[in-house]
Protein backbone atom coordinates (compact mmCIF):
# COMPACT_ATOMS: atom_id res chain seq x y z
CA UNK A 1 -288.41 45.91 7.74
CA UNK A 2 -287.26 45.92 11.36
CA UNK A 3 -284.22 48.12 11.43
CA UNK A 4 -282.89 47.21 14.90
CA UNK A 5 -283.79 43.72 15.90
CA UNK A 6 -282.56 42.10 19.08
CA UNK A 7 -279.22 40.16 18.70
CA UNK A 8 -279.29 36.84 20.56
CA UNK A 9 -277.13 33.77 20.95
CA UNK A 10 -279.77 31.12 21.77
CA UNK A 11 -277.35 28.60 23.26
CA UNK A 12 -274.56 30.51 24.77
CA UNK A 13 -272.10 28.46 26.93
CA UNK A 14 -272.37 28.91 30.77
CA UNK A 15 -269.37 31.15 30.83
CA UNK A 16 -269.49 33.81 28.05
CA UNK A 17 -265.93 34.86 28.96
CA UNK A 18 -264.73 31.56 27.46
CA UNK A 19 -265.74 32.81 24.06
CA UNK A 20 -262.79 34.57 22.38
CA UNK A 21 -263.33 37.48 20.00
CA UNK A 22 -261.27 35.52 17.45
CA UNK A 23 -263.30 33.94 14.70
CA UNK A 24 -260.49 31.59 13.74
CA UNK A 25 -262.14 28.46 15.11
CA UNK A 26 -265.73 29.07 14.19
CA UNK A 27 -267.23 26.18 12.25
CA UNK A 28 -265.17 23.30 10.94
CA UNK A 29 -263.48 24.83 7.92
CA UNK A 30 -260.06 24.84 9.66
CA UNK A 31 -260.26 21.06 10.04
CA UNK A 32 -261.15 20.29 6.46
CA UNK A 33 -258.79 20.43 3.54
CA UNK A 34 -261.10 21.87 0.78
CA UNK A 35 -259.56 21.25 -2.68
CA UNK A 36 -260.33 22.28 -6.20
CA UNK A 37 -260.53 19.30 -8.62
CA UNK A 38 -260.41 21.17 -12.00
CA UNK A 39 -264.09 21.03 -12.86
CA UNK A 40 -266.47 23.84 -13.74
CA UNK A 41 -268.45 26.09 -11.39
CA UNK A 42 -271.79 27.83 -12.35
CA UNK A 43 -270.23 30.98 -13.88
CA UNK A 44 -272.81 31.76 -16.56
CA UNK A 45 -274.84 34.89 -15.73
CA UNK A 46 -277.48 34.62 -14.75
CA UNK A 47 -277.84 31.00 -13.37
CA UNK A 48 -281.30 30.02 -14.71
CA UNK A 49 -283.19 28.21 -11.99
CA UNK A 50 -286.20 26.05 -13.03
CA UNK A 51 -288.45 25.13 -10.25
CA UNK A 52 -290.38 21.83 -10.22
CA UNK A 53 -293.08 21.87 -7.53
CA UNK A 54 -293.73 18.16 -6.84
CA UNK A 55 -296.98 17.41 -4.93
CA UNK A 56 -299.46 19.87 -3.58
CA UNK A 57 -298.22 23.29 -2.66
CA UNK A 58 -300.00 26.33 -1.21
CA UNK A 59 -299.35 29.54 -3.07
CA UNK A 60 -298.04 31.29 0.00
CA UNK A 61 -295.45 28.58 0.58
CA UNK A 62 -294.26 28.94 -3.00
CA UNK A 63 -293.98 32.71 -2.66
CA UNK A 64 -291.81 32.40 0.46
CA UNK A 65 -289.30 30.18 -1.42
CA UNK A 66 -289.36 32.33 -4.55
CA UNK A 67 -288.76 35.45 -2.33
CA UNK A 68 -285.65 33.87 -1.01
CA UNK A 69 -284.37 32.93 -4.51
CA UNK A 70 -285.11 36.40 -5.87
CA UNK A 71 -283.05 37.78 -2.89
CA UNK A 72 -279.83 36.09 -4.04
CA UNK A 73 -279.05 38.50 -6.88
CA UNK A 74 -277.71 41.96 -5.88
CA UNK A 75 -279.89 44.96 -6.58
CA UNK A 76 -279.23 48.69 -6.68
CA UNK A 77 -280.67 48.97 -3.16
CA UNK A 78 -278.67 46.11 -1.67
CA UNK A 79 -275.41 47.89 -1.18
CA UNK A 80 -276.99 51.20 -0.21
CA UNK A 81 -279.33 49.87 2.43
CA UNK A 82 -277.17 47.11 3.87
CA UNK A 83 -275.04 47.90 6.83
CA UNK A 84 -272.83 45.95 9.19
CA UNK A 85 -275.99 45.21 11.24
CA UNK A 86 -278.13 44.27 8.31
CA UNK A 87 -277.03 41.13 6.61
CA UNK A 88 -278.66 40.32 3.27
CA UNK A 89 -279.06 37.21 1.32
CA UNK A 90 -277.25 38.85 -1.58
CA UNK A 91 -274.22 39.61 0.64
CA UNK A 92 -274.17 35.98 1.82
CA UNK A 93 -274.17 34.79 -1.81
CA UNK A 94 -271.24 37.16 -2.51
CA UNK A 95 -269.18 34.76 -0.47
CA UNK A 96 -270.25 31.82 -2.59
CA UNK A 97 -269.34 33.75 -5.69
CA UNK A 98 -265.70 33.93 -4.58
CA UNK A 99 -265.23 30.30 -5.74
CA UNK A 100 -263.66 30.07 -9.19
CA UNK A 101 -262.88 27.42 -11.87
CA UNK A 102 -259.45 26.96 -13.51
CA UNK A 103 -260.13 29.70 -15.99
CA UNK A 104 -260.65 32.16 -13.22
CA UNK A 105 -264.34 32.50 -13.74
CA UNK A 106 -266.32 33.11 -10.52
CA UNK A 107 -269.64 31.62 -9.51
CA UNK A 108 -272.21 33.96 -10.86
CA UNK A 109 -273.75 36.50 -8.50
CA UNK A 110 -276.95 36.60 -10.40
CA UNK A 111 -279.70 33.98 -10.29
CA UNK A 112 -282.99 34.05 -12.19
CA UNK A 113 -286.11 32.03 -11.62
CA UNK A 114 -286.46 31.16 -15.27
CA UNK A 115 -289.47 28.85 -15.19
CA UNK A 116 -291.78 26.80 -12.99
CA UNK A 117 -293.65 23.51 -13.38
CA UNK A 118 -296.14 21.87 -11.06
CA UNK A 119 -296.30 18.12 -10.85
CA UNK A 120 -299.28 18.15 -8.62
CA UNK A 121 -300.42 14.67 -9.78
CA UNK A 122 -297.40 12.99 -8.22
CA UNK A 123 -296.16 11.50 -11.61
CA UNK A 124 -293.70 9.15 -9.81
CA UNK A 125 -295.85 8.49 -6.69
CA UNK A 126 -295.47 9.83 -3.23
CA UNK A 127 -292.10 8.05 -2.55
CA UNK A 128 -289.14 9.05 -4.68
CA UNK A 129 -285.61 7.69 -5.09
CA UNK A 130 -282.44 9.35 -6.31
CA UNK A 131 -283.09 7.83 -9.69
CA UNK A 132 -286.81 8.42 -9.98
CA UNK A 133 -286.42 12.08 -9.18
CA UNK A 134 -284.56 12.39 -12.51
CA UNK A 135 -287.63 10.99 -14.21
CA UNK A 136 -289.53 13.83 -12.52
CA UNK A 137 -287.15 16.22 -14.36
CA UNK A 138 -287.57 14.42 -17.61
CA UNK A 139 -291.35 14.65 -17.33
CA UNK A 140 -291.11 18.30 -16.46
CA UNK A 141 -288.99 19.31 -19.44
CA UNK A 142 -291.27 17.37 -21.74
CA UNK A 143 -294.45 18.92 -20.39
CA UNK A 144 -293.43 22.33 -19.18
CA UNK A 145 -293.04 25.52 -21.22
CA UNK A 146 -289.43 25.80 -20.28
CA UNK A 147 -286.73 24.05 -22.43
CA UNK A 148 -283.74 21.76 -21.46
CA UNK A 149 -281.34 24.59 -20.62
CA UNK A 150 -278.02 22.69 -20.76
CA UNK A 151 -275.92 25.88 -20.89
CA UNK A 152 -277.14 28.06 -17.98
CA UNK A 153 -279.82 26.02 -16.31
CA UNK A 154 -280.18 24.10 -13.06
CA UNK A 155 -283.31 22.43 -11.74
CA UNK A 156 -284.72 22.53 -8.23
CA UNK A 157 -287.11 19.78 -7.35
CA UNK A 158 -289.11 20.76 -4.33
CA UNK A 159 -291.31 18.08 -2.80
CA UNK A 160 -294.36 18.73 -0.60
CA UNK A 161 -294.79 17.66 2.99
CA UNK A 162 -296.52 14.35 2.06
CA UNK A 163 -293.72 13.19 -0.21
CA UNK A 164 -291.04 10.86 1.06
CA UNK A 165 -287.64 10.36 -0.47
CA UNK A 166 -284.92 7.76 -0.28
CA UNK A 167 -282.72 8.52 2.84
CA UNK A 168 -284.82 11.61 3.70
CA UNK A 169 -284.62 12.41 7.35
CA UNK A 170 -282.22 9.61 8.02
CA UNK A 171 -279.23 10.69 6.03
CA UNK A 172 -280.22 13.71 3.93
CA UNK A 173 -282.46 16.83 4.06
CA UNK A 174 -281.55 17.62 0.43
CA UNK A 175 -278.98 16.72 -2.19
CA UNK A 176 -277.64 17.69 -5.52
CA UNK A 177 -276.33 15.82 -8.48
CA UNK A 178 -276.56 15.87 -12.24
CA UNK A 179 -278.87 14.25 -14.70
CA UNK A 180 -278.18 11.30 -16.93
CA UNK A 181 -278.49 11.91 -20.68
CA UNK A 182 -280.27 8.60 -20.99
CA UNK A 183 -283.15 9.91 -18.85
CA UNK A 184 -283.21 13.70 -19.47
CA UNK A 185 -281.22 14.14 -22.72
CA UNK A 186 -278.45 16.21 -21.24
CA UNK A 187 -276.13 16.32 -18.19
CA UNK A 188 -277.74 19.14 -16.13
CA UNK A 189 -277.11 20.03 -12.46
CA UNK A 190 -280.16 19.65 -10.20
CA UNK A 191 -280.94 19.65 -6.47
CA UNK A 192 -283.76 18.07 -4.51
CA UNK A 193 -285.10 19.50 -1.24
CA UNK A 194 -288.07 18.13 0.73
CA UNK A 195 -290.54 19.79 3.18
CA UNK A 196 -289.79 18.03 6.44
CA UNK A 197 -292.60 19.83 8.35
CA UNK A 198 -294.53 16.57 9.24
CA UNK A 199 -291.74 14.06 8.74
CA UNK A 200 -288.69 15.23 10.63
CA UNK A 201 -288.63 18.92 11.39
CA UNK A 202 -286.28 18.30 14.33
CA UNK A 203 -283.72 16.97 11.89
CA UNK A 204 -284.17 19.10 8.73
CA UNK A 205 -285.75 22.32 10.14
CA UNK A 206 -283.45 22.82 13.14
CA UNK A 207 -283.38 25.16 15.05
CA UNK A 208 -287.11 25.83 14.36
CA UNK A 209 -287.71 22.34 15.82
CA UNK A 210 -285.38 20.40 18.12
CA UNK A 211 -284.87 16.75 18.83
CA UNK A 212 -286.54 15.27 21.94
CA UNK A 213 -283.15 14.53 23.54
CA UNK A 214 -282.44 18.22 23.68
CA UNK A 215 -285.57 18.98 25.71
CA UNK A 216 -284.60 20.83 28.83
CA UNK A 217 -280.99 21.20 27.77
CA UNK A 218 -281.31 24.40 25.71
CA UNK A 219 -283.56 27.20 24.86
CA UNK A 220 -286.03 25.03 22.80
CA UNK A 221 -286.96 25.61 19.25
CA UNK A 222 -286.74 29.09 17.80
CA UNK A 223 -289.69 30.77 16.16
CA UNK A 224 -289.34 30.68 12.39
CA UNK A 225 -289.19 33.93 10.54
CA UNK A 226 -292.18 33.27 8.29
CA UNK A 227 -294.19 31.14 10.67
CA UNK A 228 -293.83 27.96 8.61
CA UNK A 229 -291.46 25.46 10.20
CA UNK A 230 -291.30 23.16 7.17
CA UNK A 231 -290.85 25.89 4.56
CA UNK A 232 -288.48 28.03 6.64
CA UNK A 233 -286.37 24.90 7.23
CA UNK A 234 -286.53 24.17 3.49
CA UNK A 235 -285.20 27.65 2.65
CA UNK A 236 -282.14 26.93 4.82
CA UNK A 237 -281.47 23.65 2.96
CA UNK A 238 -282.15 25.27 -0.38
CA UNK A 239 -279.36 27.82 0.39
CA UNK A 240 -277.08 24.94 1.39
CA UNK A 241 -277.73 23.01 -1.81
CA UNK A 242 -277.60 26.01 -4.15
CA UNK A 243 -274.16 27.00 -2.74
CA UNK A 244 -272.83 23.40 -3.30
CA UNK A 245 -274.59 23.01 -6.66
CA UNK A 246 -272.87 26.29 -7.86
CA UNK A 247 -269.37 25.46 -6.56
CA UNK A 248 -269.43 21.80 -7.35
CA UNK A 249 -272.10 21.19 -10.03
CA UNK A 250 -270.65 18.06 -11.65
CA UNK A 251 -268.97 16.70 -8.46
CA UNK A 252 -265.56 17.55 -9.73
CA UNK A 253 -264.85 21.07 -8.60
CA UNK A 254 -264.77 22.26 -4.97
CA UNK A 255 -264.93 19.59 -2.23
CA UNK A 256 -262.85 17.91 0.54
CA UNK A 257 -262.13 14.18 0.88
CA UNK A 258 -260.94 11.49 -1.46
CA UNK A 259 -264.32 10.02 -2.35
CA UNK A 260 -266.36 12.15 -4.80
CA UNK A 261 -269.47 10.01 -4.06
CA UNK A 262 -269.36 11.33 -0.46
CA UNK A 263 -267.75 14.76 -0.67
CA UNK A 264 -267.58 17.35 2.04
CA UNK A 265 -268.72 20.53 0.25
CA UNK A 266 -268.89 24.24 1.19
CA UNK A 267 -272.39 23.99 2.58
CA UNK A 268 -271.33 21.09 4.86
CA UNK A 269 -268.67 23.30 6.44
CA UNK A 270 -271.37 25.65 7.76
CA UNK A 271 -273.98 23.04 8.74
CA UNK A 272 -275.92 24.24 11.75
CA UNK A 273 -273.97 27.55 11.92
CA UNK A 274 -275.94 30.75 11.51
CA UNK A 275 -273.85 33.54 13.01
CA UNK A 276 -270.82 34.69 14.93
CA UNK A 277 -269.94 32.53 17.78
CA UNK A 278 -271.32 29.39 16.14
CA UNK A 279 -269.63 26.02 16.40
CA UNK A 280 -269.44 23.17 18.87
CA UNK A 281 -273.21 22.83 19.00
CA UNK A 282 -273.89 26.52 19.09
CA UNK A 283 -275.79 28.11 16.18
CA UNK A 284 -274.24 31.50 16.85
CA UNK A 285 -275.73 34.99 17.04
CA UNK A 286 -279.08 35.52 15.25
CA UNK A 287 -281.59 38.30 15.14
CA UNK A 288 -285.02 38.36 16.81
CA UNK A 289 -287.78 40.81 15.90
CA UNK A 290 -290.50 42.25 18.06
CA UNK A 291 -292.80 39.23 17.30
CA UNK A 292 -290.14 36.93 18.60
CA UNK A 293 -289.34 35.56 15.07
CA UNK A 294 -285.66 34.63 14.58
CA UNK A 295 -283.54 34.96 11.46
CA UNK A 296 -279.94 35.65 10.42
CA UNK A 297 -280.32 37.69 7.20
CA UNK A 298 -282.73 39.86 5.32
CA UNK A 299 -284.31 39.00 2.01
């Protein structure tokens, strides 16, 4: 654990004096009218997460993702070791847990990796759609040792670098929805996230890869904290989707806009923002360790 990493703002405007100390205008949340639409949030404790590894995964990649998921729940050491300069994943999730349903129940602060299943034979091929991914879940719950957990469970479908998905890289880096009883047996929240490492890291693993049009106009890509552009980018998207899945699991709870098929959710409000001073194309302040790896929170 590096106690005192360097604090950097990788794309600071030419005149730092133009940055106010006020955080009022960071991000886009002041411009979006987020509303509660009377639906449930994931308040059961713990939230049981069932991982479906689709395609071929290296064990060290799986461990990185599971380390992040294990970091969400608070531990006895989280509050004692965390300081103003040491931001943790659990403290970040504490913000997500502030969202409530109409009964006053908060999003749970506790998350448990309750089961895993490997679909290494690509049961639905190497190209998935929003509908066929539900068949992946159906196959997993029929084959895997974990049950259909329709009370506390959510499913994360994580696809390997060689798997393509409908709208991947063009419109989405991940998405969440809920299963159809006709396919899976119950209505269960799920999220899909793909490894963009070889397909579009400049889109879905930013700022660890940057688009060509930004060449020469900024600091270039940042060094990923775990040395894997695709997986480190995935972890950011997993955090995004889990926050939205928890606060809007059935697409009838917390979102902005009048169209529930294209809602603006809580993760969207922080898209591309990783620290103080972010917004307007700037990712904000992040930390950099002695090896030059950049990150914005500890797991």
